[in-house]
Amino acid sequence: MTTIYDVGDKIRMSFNFTDENEAAIDPTTVTLILKNKSSIVATWVFGVDPEIINTAVGSYYADYIIPTRGYWSYNVTGTGVVSAADTEFFISKA
């Protein structure tokens, strides 16, 4: 199900990483790519960009204030110790 937000809402993009036994684990690299319908809006890398916060082993989030209406997606990728990826979608309306 796609979540609908209003322009100006702050969203929290949360993501968790686990190993094959479902134990929490930190990837070597965590990358978050935020896109709107027409282009990449931001690319953040944990440890380089302060937007990605690590709250516990394997648990991360980034907050973003939605500036415009439209269709959005974000993709998070973990590489290294654990390799995983996930994409989420949302809509913003005026």
Protein backbone atom coordinates (compact mmCIF):
# COMPACT_ATOMS: atom_id res chain seq x y z
CA MET A 1 0.00 0.00 0.00
CA THR A 2 1.32 3.44 -0.92
CA THR A 3 1.28 6.07 1.82
CA ILE A 4 -0.10 9.55 1.07
CA TYR A 5 1.41 12.66 2.69
CA ASP A 6 0.83 16.38 2.41
CA VAL A 7 3.44 18.75 1.00
CA GLY A 8 5.39 20.06 3.99
CA ASP A 9 5.09 16.83 6.01
CA LYS A 10 8.27 15.43 7.51
CA ILE A 11 8.54 11.75 6.68
CA ARG A 12 10.75 9.22 8.38
CA MET A 13 12.33 6.68 6.07
CA SER A 14 13.24 3.77 8.36
CA PHE A 15 15.12 0.64 7.43
CA ASN A 16 16.59 -2.38 9.21
CA PHE A 17 19.21 -4.92 8.23
CA THR A 18 19.42 -8.51 9.44
CA ASP A 19 21.54 -11.52 8.60
CA GLU A 20 20.27 -14.91 7.43
CA ASN A 21 19.34 -15.77 11.06
CA GLU A 22 17.28 -12.56 11.42
CA ALA A 23 19.87 -11.08 13.81
CA ALA A 24 20.41 -7.34 13.48
CA ILE A 25 23.61 -6.47 11.62
CA ASP A 26 25.23 -3.33 10.25
CA PRO A 27 26.20 -3.39 6.57
CA THR A 28 29.62 -2.06 5.63
CA THR A 29 27.95 0.64 3.53
CA VAL A 30 24.39 2.01 3.68
CA THR A 31 23.14 4.16 0.78
CA LEU A 32 19.76 5.88 0.51
CA ILE A 33 18.53 7.29 -2.82
CA LEU A 34 15.44 9.51 -2.80
CA LYS A 35 13.64 10.08 -6.12
CA ASN A 36 10.63 11.96 -7.35
CA LYS A 37 8.86 11.05 -10.58
CA SER A 38 11.41 12.77 -12.82
CA SER A 39 14.80 12.62 -11.10
CA ILE A 40 17.03 11.70 -8.18
CA VAL A 41 16.51 14.27 -5.43
CA ALA A 42 19.23 13.10 -3.04
CA THR A 43 21.78 10.35 -2.49
CA TRP A 44 23.02 9.88 1.06
CA VAL A 45 25.65 7.50 2.44
CA PHE A 46 25.81 6.65 6.13
CA GLY A 47 29.00 7.96 7.74
CA VAL A 48 29.42 10.57 5.00
CA ASP A 49 26.07 12.37 5.07
CA PRO A 50 24.45 13.33 8.39
CA GLU A 51 20.92 12.67 7.08
CA ILE A 52 21.20 8.92 7.78
CA ILE A 53 21.02 8.13 11.50
CA ASN A 54 22.00 4.77 13.04
CA THR A 55 19.88 4.20 16.17
CA ALA A 56 20.96 0.64 17.00
CA VAL A 57 22.72 -2.28 15.34
CA GLY A 58 21.07 -2.71 11.95
CA SER A 59 18.54 0.14 12.44
CA TYR A 60 18.70 3.35 10.42
CA TYR A 61 16.48 6.23 9.42
CA ALA A 62 16.48 9.53 7.53
CA ASP A 63 13.94 12.35 7.82
CA TYR A 64 12.87 14.49 4.88
CA ILE A 65 10.41 17.37 4.51
CA ILE A 66 8.43 16.88 1.31
CA PRO A 67 8.77 20.06 -0.78
CA THR A 68 6.45 19.31 -3.69
CA ARG A 69 3.53 17.12 -4.66
CA GLY A 70 3.95 14.01 -6.73
CA TYR A 71 5.10 10.43 -6.78
CA TRP A 72 8.19 9.57 -4.72
CA SER A 73 10.34 6.56 -3.96
CA TYR A 74 13.36 5.77 -1.87
CA ASN A 75 15.75 2.90 -2.21
CA VAL A 76 18.09 1.78 0.55
CA THR A 77 21.00 -0.54 -0.13
CA GLY A 78 23.34 -2.25 2.29
CA THR A 79 26.56 -3.77 1.03
CA GLY A 80 29.57 -5.56 2.47
CA VAL A 81 28.93 -7.60 5.62
CA VAL A 82 25.29 -7.92 4.58
CA SER A 83 23.85 -7.27 1.12
CA ALA A 84 20.24 -6.15 1.00
CA ALA A 85 18.04 -3.62 -0.78
CA ASP A 86 14.51 -2.31 -0.41
CA THR A 87 12.39 0.27 -2.22
CA GLU A 88 9.38 2.11 -0.79
CA PHE A 89 6.92 4.43 -2.51
CA PHE A 90 4.77 7.35 -1.37
CA ILE A 91 2.63 10.14 -2.79
CA SER A 92 2.52 13.77 -1.69
CA LYS A 93 -0.44 16.02 -2.36
CA ALA A 94 -0.98 19.76 -2.04
